[in-house]
Amino acid sequence: MGDYLKQKTGKVSSNFDRLSNFVDENLKLFDSNDTMNIDNFKNELNSLRNQYVHEGYYLPNNQFAVNGKGKVFLYHKTMDYNWLLRIVKVFKFGVYKILYTKVLDLEIDEGELKSAVKCWF
């Protein structure tokens, strides 16, 4: 994905850039009603990723700090496990989608892929 974005943008992408691009390309999977604040959502996903990578899976009081650019603290997000399960399913689908469409350069039927990886959302 990093090489794909480097070709697309001409610069080396950060983890946030790759995540942001994934959300932009798959927005309909995350929010079918167009009701969410996309910038907040991207910051939440990036902060959750950083929490898991750097501090582990434990979330004290079922909350994690949401940071923006430059690691500026924005707010605390209370963990909703249904939200987390949905996000995991979307990313599972997305990884396969990227593998087939970007890496292998194949055309796919997204409905069949969802069925194959058991990701109904």
PDB file of N, CA and C in Angstrom:
ATOM      1  N   MET A   1       0.825  -1.189   0.000  1.00  0.00           N
ATOM      2  CA  MET A   1       0.000   0.000   0.000  1.00  0.00           C
ATOM      3  C   MET A   1       0.866   1.249   0.000  1.00  0.00           C
ATOM      4  N   GLY A   2       2.006   1.183   0.703  1.00  0.00           N
ATOM      5  CA  GLY A   2       2.903   2.325   0.727  1.00  0.00           C
ATOM      6  C   GLY A   2       3.428   2.660  -0.659  1.00  0.00           C
ATOM      7  N   ASP A   3       3.817   1.630  -1.431  1.00  0.00           N
ATOM      8  CA  ASP A   3       4.305   1.862  -2.798  1.00  0.00           C
ATOM      9  C   ASP A   3       3.202   2.416  -3.684  1.00  0.00           C
ATOM     10  N   TYR A   4       1.986   1.907  -3.524  1.00  0.00           N
ATOM     11  CA  TYR A   4       0.840   2.380  -4.301  1.00  0.00           C
ATOM     12  C   TYR A   4       0.612   3.872  -4.044  1.00  0.00           C
ATOM     13  N   LEU A   5       0.634   4.273  -2.778  1.00  0.00           N
ATOM     14  CA  LEU A   5       0.411   5.679  -2.443  1.00  0.00           C
ATOM     15  C   LEU A   5       1.583   6.557  -2.878  1.00  0.00           C
ATOM     16  N   LYS A   6       2.795   6.003  -2.833  1.00  0.00           N
ATOM     17  CA  LYS A   6       3.945   6.782  -3.280  1.00  0.00           C
ATOM     18  C   LYS A   6       3.816   7.097  -4.769  1.00  0.00           C
ATOM     19  N   GLN A   7       3.360   6.126  -5.560  1.00  0.00           N
ATOM     20  CA  GLN A   7       3.147   6.369  -6.976  1.00  0.00           C
ATOM     21  C   GLN A   7       2.013   7.369  -7.192  1.00  0.00           C
ATOM     22  N   LYS A   8       0.987   7.260  -6.366  1.00  0.00           N
ATOM     23  CA  LYS A   8      -0.192   8.123  -6.511  1.00  0.00           C
ATOM     24  C   LYS A   8       0.090   9.564  -6.095  1.00  0.00           C
ATOM     25  N   THR A   9       0.845   9.745  -5.000  1.00  0.00           N
ATOM     26  CA  THR A   9       1.054  11.084  -4.440  1.00  0.00           C
ATOM     27  C   THR A   9       2.457  11.630  -4.654  1.00  0.00           C
ATOM     28  N   GLY A  10       3.410  10.748  -4.950  1.00  0.00           N
ATOM     29  CA  GLY A  10       4.785  11.185  -5.144  1.00  0.00           C
ATOM     30  C   GLY A  10       5.577  11.345  -3.862  1.00  0.00           C
ATOM     31  N   LYS A  11       5.022  10.919  -2.731  1.00  0.00           N
ATOM     32  CA  LYS A  11       5.755  11.017  -1.468  1.00  0.00           C
ATOM     33  C   LYS A  11       5.576   9.738  -0.656  1.00  0.00           C
ATOM     34  N   VAL A  12       6.492   9.535   0.274  1.00  0.00           N
ATOM     35  CA  VAL A  12       6.407   8.378   1.166  1.00  0.00           C
ATOM     36  C   VAL A  12       5.257   8.620   2.132  1.00  0.00           C
ATOM     37  N   SER A  13       4.387   7.643   2.264  1.00  0.00           N
ATOM     38  CA  SER A  13       3.193   7.831   3.082  1.00  0.00           C
ATOM     39  C   SER A  13       3.412   7.367   4.517  1.00  0.00           C
ATOM     40  N   SER A  14       2.747   8.044   5.427  1.00  0.00           N
ATOM     41  CA  SER A  14       2.770   7.657   6.835  1.00  0.00           C
ATOM     42  C   SER A  14       1.672   6.625   7.082  1.00  0.00           C
ATOM     43  N   ASN A  15       1.673   6.043   8.263  1.00  0.00           N
ATOM     44  CA  ASN A  15       0.589   5.122   8.624  1.00  0.00           C
ATOM     45  C   ASN A  15      -0.755   5.826   8.538  1.00  0.00           C
ATOM     46  N   PHE A  16      -0.807   7.081   8.993  1.00  0.00           N
ATOM     47  CA  PHE A  16      -2.052   7.834   8.945  1.00  0.00           C
ATOM     48  C   PHE A  16      -2.494   8.060   7.500  1.00  0.00           C
ATOM     49  N   ASP A  17      -1.550   8.355   6.613  1.00  0.00           N
ATOM     50  CA  ASP A  17      -1.890   8.558   5.193  1.00  0.00           C
ATOM     51  C   ASP A  17      -2.475   7.293   4.584  1.00  0.00           C
ATOM     52  N   ARG A  18      -1.884   6.149   4.890  1.00  0.00           N
ATOM     53  CA  ARG A  18      -2.390   4.878   4.348  1.00  0.00           C
ATOM     54  C   ARG A  18      -3.783   4.581   4.899  1.00  0.00           C
ATOM     55  N   LEU A  19      -3.966   4.806   6.188  1.00  0.00           N
ATOM     56  CA  LEU A  19      -5.267   4.588   6.810  1.00  0.00           C
ATOM     57  C   LEU A  19      -6.303   5.543   6.234  1.00  0.00           C
ATOM     58  N   SER A  20      -5.925   6.798   6.076  1.00  0.00           N
ATOM     59  CA  SER A  20      -6.830   7.808   5.545  1.00  0.00           C
ATOM     60  C   SER A  20      -7.248   7.462   4.119  1.00  0.00           C
ATOM     61  N   ASN A  21      -6.304   7.024   3.307  1.00  0.00           N
ATOM     62  CA  ASN A  21      -6.608   6.630   1.935  1.00  0.00           C
ATOM     63  C   ASN A  21      -7.564   5.437   1.917  1.00  0.00           C
ATOM     64  N   PHE A  22      -7.320   4.464   2.792  1.00  0.00           N
ATOM     65  CA  PHE A  22      -8.199   3.297   2.869  1.00  0.00           C
ATOM     66  C   PHE A  22      -9.622   3.714   3.235  1.00  0.00           C
ATOM     67  N   VAL A  23      -9.765   4.589   4.219  1.00  0.00           N
ATOM     68  CA  VAL A  23     -11.091   5.054   4.631  1.00  0.00           C
ATOM     69  C   VAL A  23     -11.758   5.798   3.481  1.00  0.00           C
ATOM     70  N   ASP A  24     -11.017   6.682   2.815  1.00  0.00           N
ATOM     71  CA  ASP A  24     -11.593   7.442   1.698  1.00  0.00           C
ATOM     72  C   ASP A  24     -12.090   6.525   0.587  1.00  0.00           C
ATOM     73  N   GLU A  25     -11.303   5.497   0.263  1.00  0.00           N
ATOM     74  CA  GLU A  25     -11.674   4.588  -0.824  1.00  0.00           C
ATOM     75  C   GLU A  25     -12.803   3.634  -0.443  1.00  0.00           C
ATOM     76  N   ASN A  26     -13.022   3.437   0.860  1.00  0.00           N
ATOM     77  CA  ASN A  26     -14.018   2.463   1.315  1.00  0.00           C
ATOM     78  C   ASN A  26     -15.032   3.084   2.262  1.00  0.00           C
ATOM     79  N   LEU A  27     -15.285   4.370   2.098  1.00  0.00           N
ATOM     80  CA  LEU A  27     -16.140   5.104   3.017  1.00  0.00           C
ATOM     81  C   LEU A  27     -17.520   4.475   3.174  1.00  0.00           C
ATOM     82  N   LYS A  28     -18.078   3.983   2.098  1.00  0.00           N
ATOM     83  CA  LYS A  28     -19.427   3.410   2.161  1.00  0.00           C
ATOM     84  C   LYS A  28     -19.491   2.190   3.084  1.00  0.00           C
ATOM     85  N   LEU A  29     -18.354   1.518   3.314  1.00  0.00           N
ATOM     86  CA  LEU A  29     -18.342   0.374   4.218  1.00  0.00           C
ATOM     87  C   LEU A  29     -18.389   0.810   5.680  1.00  0.00           C
ATOM     88  N   PHE A  30     -17.846   1.982   5.956  1.00  0.00           N
ATOM     89  CA  PHE A  30     -17.793   2.477   7.325  1.00  0.00           C
ATOM     90  C   PHE A  30     -19.062   3.205   7.722  1.00  0.00           C
ATOM     91  N   ASP A  31     -19.660   3.951   6.807  1.00  0.00           N
ATOM     92  CA  ASP A  31     -20.835   4.759   7.134  1.00  0.00           C
ATOM     93  C   ASP A  31     -21.744   4.855   5.923  1.00  0.00           C
ATOM     94  N   SER A  32     -22.789   4.071   5.932  1.00  0.00           N
ATOM     95  CA  SER A  32     -23.704   4.065   4.798  1.00  0.00           C
ATOM     96  C   SER A  32     -24.674   5.245   4.837  1.00  0.00           C
ATOM     97  N   ASN A  33     -24.790   5.936   5.967  1.00  0.00           N
ATOM     98  CA  ASN A  33     -25.732   7.052   6.093  1.00  0.00           C
ATOM     99  C   ASN A  33     -25.080   8.420   5.921  1.00  0.00           C
ATOM    100  N   ASP A  34     -23.774   8.452   5.710  1.00  0.00           N
ATOM    101  CA  ASP A  34     -23.037   9.712   5.581  1.00  0.00           C
ATOM    102  C   ASP A  34     -23.257  10.637   6.778  1.00  0.00           C
ATOM    103  N   THR A  35     -23.266  10.062   7.985  1.00  0.00           N
ATOM    104  CA  THR A  35     -23.530  10.858   9.175  1.00  0.00           C
ATOM    105  C   THR A  35     -22.293  11.109  10.031  1.00  0.00           C
ATOM    106  N   MET A  36     -21.213  10.400   9.783  1.00  0.00           N
ATOM    107  CA  MET A  36     -20.064  10.530  10.667  1.00  0.00           C
ATOM    108  C   MET A  36     -19.147  11.675  10.253  1.00  0.00           C
ATOM    109  N   ASN A  37     -18.425  12.195  11.226  1.00  0.00           N
ATOM    110  CA  ASN A  37     -17.381  13.169  10.967  1.00  0.00           C
ATOM    111  C   ASN A  37     -16.144  12.376  10.538  1.00  0.00           C
ATOM    112  N   ILE A  38     -15.792  12.450   9.270  1.00  0.00           N
ATOM    113  CA  ILE A  38     -14.731  11.619   8.700  1.00  0.00           C
ATOM    114  C   ILE A  38     -13.382  11.913   9.336  1.00  0.00           C
ATOM    115  N   ASP A  39     -13.072  13.188   9.585  1.00  0.00           N
ATOM    116  CA  ASP A  39     -11.781  13.521  10.193  1.00  0.00           C
ATOM    117  C   ASP A  39     -11.664  12.933  11.590  1.00  0.00           C
ATOM    118  N   ASN A  40     -12.732  13.040  12.400  1.00  0.00           N
ATOM    119  CA  ASN A  40     -12.717  12.437  13.729  1.00  0.00           C
ATOM    120  C   ASN A  40     -12.568  10.924  13.636  1.00  0.00           C
ATOM    121  N   PHE A  41     -13.279  10.323  12.685  1.00  0.00           N
ATOM    122  CA  PHE A  41     -13.224   8.878  12.515  1.00  0.00           C
ATOM    123  C   PHE A  41     -11.805   8.418  12.166  1.00  0.00           C
ATOM    124  N   LYS A  42     -11.139   9.121  11.261  1.00  0.00           N
ATOM    125  CA  LYS A  42      -9.768   8.766  10.899  1.00  0.00           C
ATOM    126  C   LYS A  42      -8.832   8.908  12.101  1.00  0.00           C
ATOM    127  N   ASN A  43      -9.013   9.983  12.873  1.00  0.00           N
ATOM    128  CA  ASN A  43      -8.196  10.160  14.077  1.00  0.00           C
ATOM    129  C   ASN A  43      -8.456   9.053  15.091  1.00  0.00           C
ATOM    130  N   GLU A  44      -9.723   8.620  15.224  1.00  0.00           N
ATOM    131  CA  GLU A  44     -10.054   7.537  16.141  1.00  0.00           C
ATOM    132  C   GLU A  44      -9.384   6.236  15.711  1.00  0.00           C
ATOM    133  N   LEU A  45      -9.454   5.909  14.430  1.00  0.00           N
ATOM    134  CA  LEU A  45      -8.827   4.685  13.936  1.00  0.00           C
ATOM    135  C   LEU A  45      -7.319   4.722  14.114  1.00  0.00           C
ATOM    136  N   ASN A  46      -6.712   5.847  13.793  1.00  0.00           N
ATOM    137  CA  ASN A  46      -5.263   5.968  13.940  1.00  0.00           C
ATOM    138  C   ASN A  46      -4.860   5.886  15.414  1.00  0.00           C
ATOM    139  N   SER A  47      -5.609   6.522  16.285  1.00  0.00           N
ATOM    140  CA  SER A  47      -5.307   6.480  17.718  1.00  0.00           C
ATOM    141  C   SER A  47      -5.499   5.080  18.276  1.00  0.00           C
ATOM    142  N   LEU A  48      -6.541   4.398  17.831  1.00  0.00           N
ATOM    143  CA  LEU A  48      -6.764   3.021  18.278  1.00  0.00           C
ATOM    144  C   LEU A  48      -5.618   2.134  17.804  1.00  0.00           C
ATOM    145  N   ARG A  49      -5.191   2.305  16.562  1.00  0.00           N
ATOM    146  CA  ARG A  49      -4.052   1.553  16.044  1.00  0.00           C
ATOM    147  C   ARG A  49      -2.813   1.819  16.883  1.00  0.00           C
ATOM    148  N   ASN A  50      -2.543   3.083  17.180  1.00  0.00           N
ATOM    149  CA  ASN A  50      -1.376   3.420  17.996  1.00  0.00           C
ATOM    150  C   ASN A  50      -1.482   2.831  19.397  1.00  0.00           C
ATOM    151  N   GLN A  51      -2.682   2.841  19.976  1.00  0.00           N
ATOM    152  CA  GLN A  51      -2.895   2.258  21.304  1.00  0.00           C
ATOM    153  C   GLN A  51      -2.527   0.782  21.281  1.00  0.00           C
ATOM    154  N   TYR A  52      -3.015   0.052  20.297  1.00  0.00           N
ATOM    155  CA  TYR A  52      -2.763  -1.386  20.212  1.00  0.00           C
ATOM    156  C   TYR A  52      -1.291  -1.678  19.932  1.00  0.00           C
ATOM    157  N   VAL A  53      -0.678  -0.910  19.043  1.00  0.00           N
ATOM    158  CA  VAL A  53       0.705  -1.176  18.657  1.00  0.00           C
ATOM    159  C   VAL A  53       1.673  -0.823  19.783  1.00  0.00           C
ATOM    160  N   HIS A  54       1.467   0.324  20.425  1.00  0.00           N
ATOM    161  CA  HIS A  54       2.452   0.814  21.378  1.00  0.00           C
ATOM    162  C   HIS A  54       2.142   0.476  22.833  1.00  0.00           C
ATOM    163  N   GLU A  55       0.861   0.360  23.180  1.00  0.00           N
ATOM    164  CA  GLU A  55       0.526   0.177  24.587  1.00  0.00           C
ATOM    165  C   GLU A  55      -0.185  -1.134  24.878  1.00  0.00           C
ATOM    166  N   GLY A  56      -0.567  -1.884  23.868  1.00  0.00           N
ATOM    167  CA  GLY A  56      -1.207  -3.174  24.084  1.00  0.00           C
ATOM    168  C   GLY A  56      -2.713  -3.094  23.979  1.00  0.00           C
ATOM    169  N   TYR A  57      -3.345  -4.230  24.186  1.00  0.00           N
ATOM    170  CA  TYR A  57      -4.780  -4.360  23.964  1.00  0.00           C
ATOM    171  C   TYR A  57      -5.636  -3.853  25.120  1.00  0.00           C
ATOM    172  N   TYR A  58      -5.044  -3.631  26.271  1.00  0.00           N
ATOM    173  CA  TYR A  58      -5.830  -3.208  27.431  1.00  0.00           C
ATOM    174  C   TYR A  58      -6.244  -1.753  27.297  1.00  0.00           C
ATOM    175  N   LEU A  59      -7.527  -1.488  27.452  1.00  0.00           N
ATOM    176  CA  LEU A  59      -8.040  -0.126  27.408  1.00  0.00           C
ATOM    177  C   LEU A  59      -8.604   0.213  28.785  1.00  0.00           C
ATOM    178  N   PRO A  60      -7.877   0.999  29.567  1.00  0.00           N
ATOM    179  CA  PRO A  60      -8.363   1.343  30.896  1.00  0.00           C
ATOM    180  C   PRO A  60      -9.709   2.057  30.822  1.00  0.00           C
ATOM    181  N   ASN A  61     -10.651   1.627  31.635  1.00  0.00           N
ATOM    182  CA  ASN A  61     -11.999   2.207  31.676  1.00  0.00           C
ATOM    183  C   ASN A  61     -12.691   2.176  30.317  1.00  0.00           C
ATOM    184  N   ASN A  62     -12.277   1.232  29.462  1.00  0.00           N
ATOM    185  CA  ASN A  62     -12.849   1.096  28.117  1.00  0.00           C
ATOM    186  C   ASN A  62     -12.746   2.383  27.320  1.00  0.00           C
ATOM    187  N   GLN A  63     -11.657   3.122  27.495  1.00  0.00           N
ATOM    188  CA  GLN A  63     -11.443   4.377  26.767  1.00  0.00           C
ATOM    189  C   GLN A  63     -10.037   4.425  26.201  1.00  0.00           C
ATOM    190  N   PHE A  64      -9.902   5.186  25.134  1.00  0.00           N
ATOM    191  CA  PHE A  64      -8.573   5.483  24.627  1.00  0.00           C
ATOM    192  C   PHE A  64      -8.544   6.942  24.193  1.00  0.00           C
ATOM    193  N   ALA A  65      -7.354   7.525  24.245  1.00  0.00           N
ATOM    194  CA  ALA A  65      -7.181   8.927  23.871  1.00  0.00           C
ATOM    195  C   ALA A  65      -7.145   9.048  22.357  1.00  0.00           C
ATOM    196  N   VAL A  66      -7.905   9.981  21.830  1.00  0.00           N
ATOM    197  CA  VAL A  66      -7.903  10.268  20.399  1.00  0.00           C
ATOM    198  C   VAL A  66      -7.029  11.490  20.174  1.00  0.00           C
ATOM    199  N   ASN A  67      -6.004  11.311  19.346  1.00  0.00           N
ATOM    200  CA  ASN A  67      -5.078  12.390  19.036  1.00  0.00           C
ATOM    201  C   ASN A  67      -5.194  12.759  17.572  1.00  0.00           C
ATOM    202  N   GLY A  68      -4.943  14.025  17.288  1.00  0.00           N
ATOM    203  CA  GLY A  68      -4.931  14.514  15.911  1.00  0.00           C
ATOM    204  C   GLY A  68      -3.514  14.625  15.395  1.00  0.00           C
ATOM    205  N   LYS A  69      -3.336  15.429  14.374  1.00  0.00           N
ATOM    206  CA  LYS A  69      -2.003  15.647  13.801  1.00  0.00           C
ATOM    207  C   LYS A  69      -1.071  16.200  14.868  1.00  0.00           C
ATOM    208  N   GLY A  70       0.173  15.760  14.818  1.00  0.00           N
ATOM    209  CA  GLY A  70       1.155  16.221  15.787  1.00  0.00           C
ATOM    210  C   GLY A  70       0.906  15.670  17.174  1.00  0.00           C
ATOM    211  N   LYS A  71       0.141  14.596  17.269  1.00  0.00           N
ATOM    212  CA  LYS A  71      -0.177  13.934  18.545  1.00  0.00           C
ATOM    213  C   LYS A  71      -0.879  14.865  19.524  1.00  0.00           C
ATOM    214  N   VAL A  72      -1.633  15.811  19.000  1.00  0.00           N
ATOM    215  CA  VAL A  72      -2.389  16.740  19.841  1.00  0.00           C
ATOM    216  C   VAL A  72      -3.631  16.014  20.352  1.00  0.00           C
ATOM    217  N   PHE A  73      -3.807  15.990  21.676  1.00  0.00           N
ATOM    218  CA  PHE A  73      -4.959  15.320  22.279  1.00  0.00           C
ATOM    219  C   PHE A  73      -6.246  16.030  21.874  1.00  0.00           C
ATOM    220  N   LEU A  74      -7.236  15.242  21.418  1.00  0.00           N
ATOM    221  CA  LEU A  74      -8.528  15.810  21.033  1.00  0.00           C
ATOM    222  C   LEU A  74      -9.618  15.475  22.044  1.00  0.00           C
ATOM    223  N   TYR A  75      -9.774  14.202  22.377  1.00  0.00           N
ATOM    224  CA  TYR A  75     -10.811  13.763  23.307  1.00  0.00           C
ATOM    225  C   TYR A  75     -10.592  12.291  23.643  1.00  0.00           C
ATOM    226  N   HIS A  76     -11.359  11.795  24.615  1.00  0.00           N
ATOM    227  CA  HIS A  76     -11.353  10.365  24.926  1.00  0.00           C
ATOM    228  C   HIS A  76     -12.530   9.703  24.223  1.00  0.00           C
ATOM    229  N   LYS A  77     -12.301   8.531  23.673  1.00  0.00           N
ATOM    230  CA  LYS A  77     -13.380   7.758  23.045  1.00  0.00           C
ATOM    231  C   LYS A  77     -13.672   6.571  23.931  1.00  0.00           C
ATOM    232  N   THR A  78     -14.926   6.422  24.303  1.00  0.00           N
ATOM    233  CA  THR A  78     -15.345   5.245  25.055  1.00  0.00           C
ATOM    234  C   THR A  78     -15.549   4.112  24.065  1.00  0.00           C
ATOM    235  N   MET A  79     -14.930   2.976  24.363  1.00  0.00           N
ATOM    236  CA  MET A  79     -14.951   1.853  23.441  1.00  0.00           C
ATOM    237  C   MET A  79     -16.332   1.218  23.384  1.00  0.00           C
ATOM    238  N   ASP A  80     -16.809   1.091  22.192  1.00  0.00           N
ATOM    239  CA  ASP A  80     -18.046   0.378  21.909  1.00  0.00           C
ATOM    240  C   ASP A  80     -17.619  -0.882  21.167  1.00  0.00           C
ATOM    241  N   TYR A  81     -17.801  -2.054  21.786  1.00  0.00           N
ATOM    242  CA  TYR A  81     -17.280  -3.285  21.200  1.00  0.00           C
ATOM    243  C   TYR A  81     -17.989  -3.667  19.907  1.00  0.00           C
ATOM    244  N   ASN A  82     -19.223  -3.257  19.735  1.00  0.00           N
ATOM    245  CA  ASN A  82     -19.890  -3.488  18.446  1.00  0.00           C
ATOM    246  C   ASN A  82     -19.225  -2.659  17.352  1.00  0.00           C
ATOM    247  N   TRP A  83     -18.851  -1.426  17.695  1.00  0.00           N
ATOM    248  CA  TRP A  83     -18.126  -0.571  16.755  1.00  0.00           C
ATOM    249  C   TRP A  83     -16.798  -1.217  16.388  1.00  0.00           C
ATOM    250  N   LEU A  84     -16.081  -1.708  17.387  1.00  0.00           N
ATOM    251  CA  LEU A  84     -14.781  -2.333  17.150  1.00  0.00           C
ATOM    252  C   LEU A  84     -14.923  -3.575  16.269  1.00  0.00           C
ATOM    253  N   LEU A  85     -15.925  -4.401  16.517  1.00  0.00           N
ATOM    254  CA  LEU A  85     -16.150  -5.598  15.704  1.00  0.00           C
ATOM    255  C   LEU A  85     -16.425  -5.212  14.254  1.00  0.00           C
ATOM    256  N   ARG A  86     -17.216  -4.194  14.057  1.00  0.00           N
ATOM    257  CA  ARG A  86     -17.509  -3.722  12.697  1.00  0.00           C
ATOM    258  C   ARG A  86     -16.237  -3.229  12.004  1.00  0.00           C
ATOM    259  N   ILE A  87     -15.419  -2.481  12.715  1.00  0.00           N
ATOM    260  CA  ILE A  87     -14.178  -1.958  12.148  1.00  0.00           C
ATOM    261  C   ILE A  87     -13.252  -3.112  11.766  1.00  0.00           C
ATOM    262  N   VAL A  88     -13.146  -4.112  12.622  1.00  0.00           N
ATOM    263  CA  VAL A  88     -12.293  -5.271  12.325  1.00  0.00           C
ATOM    264  C   VAL A  88     -12.785  -5.979  11.064  1.00  0.00           C
ATOM    265  N   LYS A  89     -14.095  -6.139  10.927  1.00  0.00           N
ATOM    266  CA  LYS A  89     -14.644  -6.787   9.727  1.00  0.00           C
ATOM    267  C   LYS A  89     -14.370  -5.966   8.473  1.00  0.00           C
ATOM    268  N   VAL A  90     -14.518  -4.656   8.569  1.00  0.00           N
ATOM    269  CA  VAL A  90     -14.264  -3.799   7.413  1.00  0.00           C
ATOM    270  C   VAL A  90     -12.794  -3.891   7.008  1.00  0.00           C
ATOM    271  N   PHE A  91     -11.883  -3.875   7.987  1.00  0.00           N
ATOM    272  CA  PHE A  91     -10.469  -3.964   7.657  1.00  0.00           C
ATOM    273  C   PHE A  91     -10.109  -5.341   7.103  1.00  0.00           C
ATOM    274  N   LYS A  92     -10.733  -6.379   7.599  1.00  0.00           N
ATOM    275  CA  LYS A  92     -10.496  -7.725   7.057  1.00  0.00           C
ATOM    276  C   LYS A  92     -10.884  -7.749   5.580  1.00  0.00           C
ATOM    277  N   PHE A  93     -12.048  -7.233   5.275  1.00  0.00           N
ATOM    278  CA  PHE A  93     -12.498  -7.152   3.891  1.00  0.00           C
ATOM    279  C   PHE A  93     -11.536  -6.289   3.083  1.00  0.00           C
ATOM    280  N   GLY A  94     -11.145  -5.144   3.649  1.00  0.00           N
ATOM    281  CA  GLY A  94     -10.281  -4.210   2.945  1.00  0.00           C
ATOM    282  C   GLY A  94      -8.923  -4.776   2.601  1.00  0.00           C
ATOM    283  N   VAL A  95      -8.364  -5.565   3.508  1.00  0.00           N
ATOM    284  CA  VAL A  95      -7.057  -6.171   3.241  1.00  0.00           C
ATOM    285  C   VAL A  95      -7.145  -7.099   2.030  1.00  0.00           C
ATOM    286  N   TYR A  96      -8.180  -7.918   1.987  1.00  0.00           N
ATOM    287  CA  TYR A  96      -8.351  -8.801   0.827  1.00  0.00           C
ATOM    288  C   TYR A  96      -8.613  -8.002  -0.447  1.00  0.00           C
ATOM    289  N   LYS A  97      -9.410  -6.952  -0.326  1.00  0.00           N
ATOM    290  CA  LYS A  97      -9.713  -6.122  -1.489  1.00  0.00           C
ATOM    291  C   LYS A  97      -8.436  -5.492  -2.040  1.00  0.00           C
ATOM    292  N   ILE A  98      -7.598  -4.958  -1.165  1.00  0.00           N
ATOM    293  CA  ILE A  98      -6.337  -4.362  -1.591  1.00  0.00           C
ATOM    294  C   ILE A  98      -5.439  -5.416  -2.217  1.00  0.00           C
ATOM    295  N   LEU A  99      -5.372  -6.579  -1.596  1.00  0.00           N
ATOM    296  CA  LEU A  99      -4.538  -7.652  -2.131  1.00  0.00           C
ATOM    297  C   LEU A  99      -4.939  -7.998  -3.562  1.00  0.00           C
ATOM    298  N   TYR A 100      -6.234  -8.195  -3.785  1.00  0.00           N
ATOM    299  CA  TYR A 100      -6.696  -8.590  -5.118  1.00  0.00           C
ATOM    300  C   TYR A 100      -6.645  -7.452  -6.130  1.00  0.00           C
ATOM    301  N   THR A 101      -7.081  -6.265  -5.741  1.00  0.00           N
ATOM    302  CA  THR A 101      -7.219  -5.188  -6.727  1.00  0.00           C
ATOM    303  C   THR A 101      -5.952  -4.370  -6.927  1.00  0.00           C
ATOM    304  N   LYS A 102      -5.180  -4.136  -5.864  1.00  0.00           N
ATOM    305  CA  LYS A 102      -3.993  -3.280  -5.979  1.00  0.00           C
ATOM    306  C   LYS A 102      -2.713  -4.089  -6.199  1.00  0.00           C
ATOM    307  N   VAL A 103      -2.571  -5.184  -5.470  1.00  0.00           N
ATOM    308  CA  VAL A 103      -1.347  -5.982  -5.572  1.00  0.00           C
ATOM    309  C   VAL A 103      -1.403  -6.911  -6.781  1.00  0.00           C
ATOM    310  N   LEU A 104      -2.499  -7.660  -6.909  1.00  0.00           N
ATOM    311  CA  LEU A 104      -2.620  -8.620  -8.006  1.00  0.00           C
ATOM    312  C   LEU A 104      -3.258  -8.023  -9.255  1.00  0.00           C
ATOM    313  N   ASP A 105      -3.791  -6.808  -9.141  1.00  0.00           N
ATOM    314  CA  ASP A 105      -4.404  -6.093 -10.259  1.00  0.00           C
ATOM    315  C   ASP A 105      -5.522  -6.908 -10.926  1.00  0.00           C
ATOM    316  N   LEU A 106      -6.409  -7.454 -10.090  1.00  0.00           N
ATOM    317  CA  LEU A 106      -7.536  -8.242 -10.580  1.00  0.00           C
ATOM    318  C   LEU A 106      -8.836  -7.483 -10.360  1.00  0.00           C
ATOM    319  N   GLU A 107      -9.824  -7.762 -11.183  1.00  0.00           N
ATOM    320  CA  GLU A 107     -11.170  -7.246 -10.949  1.00  0.00           C
ATOM    321  C   GLU A 107     -11.905  -8.263 -10.087  1.00  0.00           C
ATOM    322  N   ILE A 108     -12.642  -7.765  -9.099  1.00  0.00           N
ATOM    323  CA  ILE A 108     -13.343  -8.672  -8.190  1.00  0.00           C
ATOM    324  C   ILE A 108     -14.801  -8.258  -8.064  1.00  0.00           C
ATOM    325  N   ASP A 109     -15.605  -9.194  -7.622  1.00  0.00           N
ATOM    326  CA  ASP A 109     -16.985  -8.925  -7.248  1.00  0.00           C
ATOM    327  C   ASP A 109     -16.969  -8.737  -5.731  1.00  0.00           C
ATOM    328  N   GLU A 110     -17.225  -7.511  -5.262  1.00  0.00           N
ATOM    329  CA  GLU A 110     -17.135  -7.232  -3.827  1.00  0.00           C
ATOM    330  C   GLU A 110     -18.129  -8.055  -3.015  1.00  0.00           C
ATOM    331  N   GLY A 111     -19.294  -8.340  -3.573  1.00  0.00           N
ATOM    332  CA  GLY A 111     -20.280  -9.168  -2.888  1.00  0.00           C
ATOM    333  C   GLY A 111     -19.762 -10.576  -2.659  1.00  0.00           C
ATOM    334  N   GLU A 112     -19.113 -11.141  -3.657  1.00  0.00           N
ATOM    335  CA  GLU A 112     -18.535 -12.481  -3.507  1.00  0.00           C
ATOM    336  C   GLU A 112     -17.400 -12.469  -2.491  1.00  0.00           C
ATOM    337  N   LEU A 113     -16.597 -11.408  -2.505  1.00  0.00           N
ATOM    338  CA  LEU A 113     -15.506 -11.312  -1.538  1.00  0.00           C
ATOM    339  C   LEU A 113     -16.049 -11.223  -0.121  1.00  0.00           C
ATOM    340  N   LYS A 114     -17.088 -10.413   0.087  1.00  0.00           N
ATOM    341  CA  LYS A 114     -17.696 -10.312   1.422  1.00  0.00           C
ATOM    342  C   LYS A 114     -18.187 -11.681   1.889  1.00  0.00           C
ATOM    343  N   SER A 115     -18.802 -12.413   0.994  1.00  0.00           N
ATOM    344  CA  SER A 115     -19.301 -13.746   1.327  1.00  0.00           C
ATOM    345  C   SER A 115     -18.154 -14.694   1.660  1.00  0.00           C
ATOM    346  N   ALA A 116     -17.084 -14.646   0.874  1.00  0.00           N
ATOM    347  CA  ALA A 116     -15.959 -15.548   1.063  1.00  0.00           C
ATOM    348  C   ALA A 116     -15.242 -15.313   2.394  1.00  0.00           C
ATOM    349  N   VAL A 117     -15.107 -14.056   2.796  1.00  0.00           N
ATOM    350  CA  VAL A 117     -14.407 -13.759   4.052  1.00  0.00           C
ATOM    351  C   VAL A 117     -15.372 -13.556   5.217  1.00  0.00           C
ATOM    352  N   LYS A 118     -16.654 -13.837   4.963  1.00  0.00           N
ATOM    353  CA  LYS A 118     -17.706 -13.763   5.998  1.00  0.00           C
ATOM    354  C   LYS A 118     -17.747 -12.401   6.665  1.00  0.00           C
ATOM    355  N   CYS A 119     -17.753 -11.367   5.851  1.00  0.00           N
ATOM    356  CA  CYS A 119     -17.797  -9.988   6.345  1.00  0.00           C
ATOM    357  C   CYS A 119     -19.079  -9.330   5.884  1.00  0.00           C
ATOM    358  N   TRP A 120     -20.149  -9.548   6.575  1.00  0.00           N
ATOM    359  CA  TRP A 120     -21.413  -8.883   6.239  1.00  0.00           C
ATOM    360  C   TRP A 120     -21.573  -7.692   7.151  1.00  0.00           C
ATOM    361  N   PHE A 121     -21.641  -6.527   6.560  1.00  0.00           N
ATOM    362  CA  PHE A 121     -21.833  -5.300   7.344  1.00  0.00           C
ATOM    363  C   PHE A 121     -22.763  -4.387   6.633  1.00  0.00           C
TER     364      PHE A 121
END
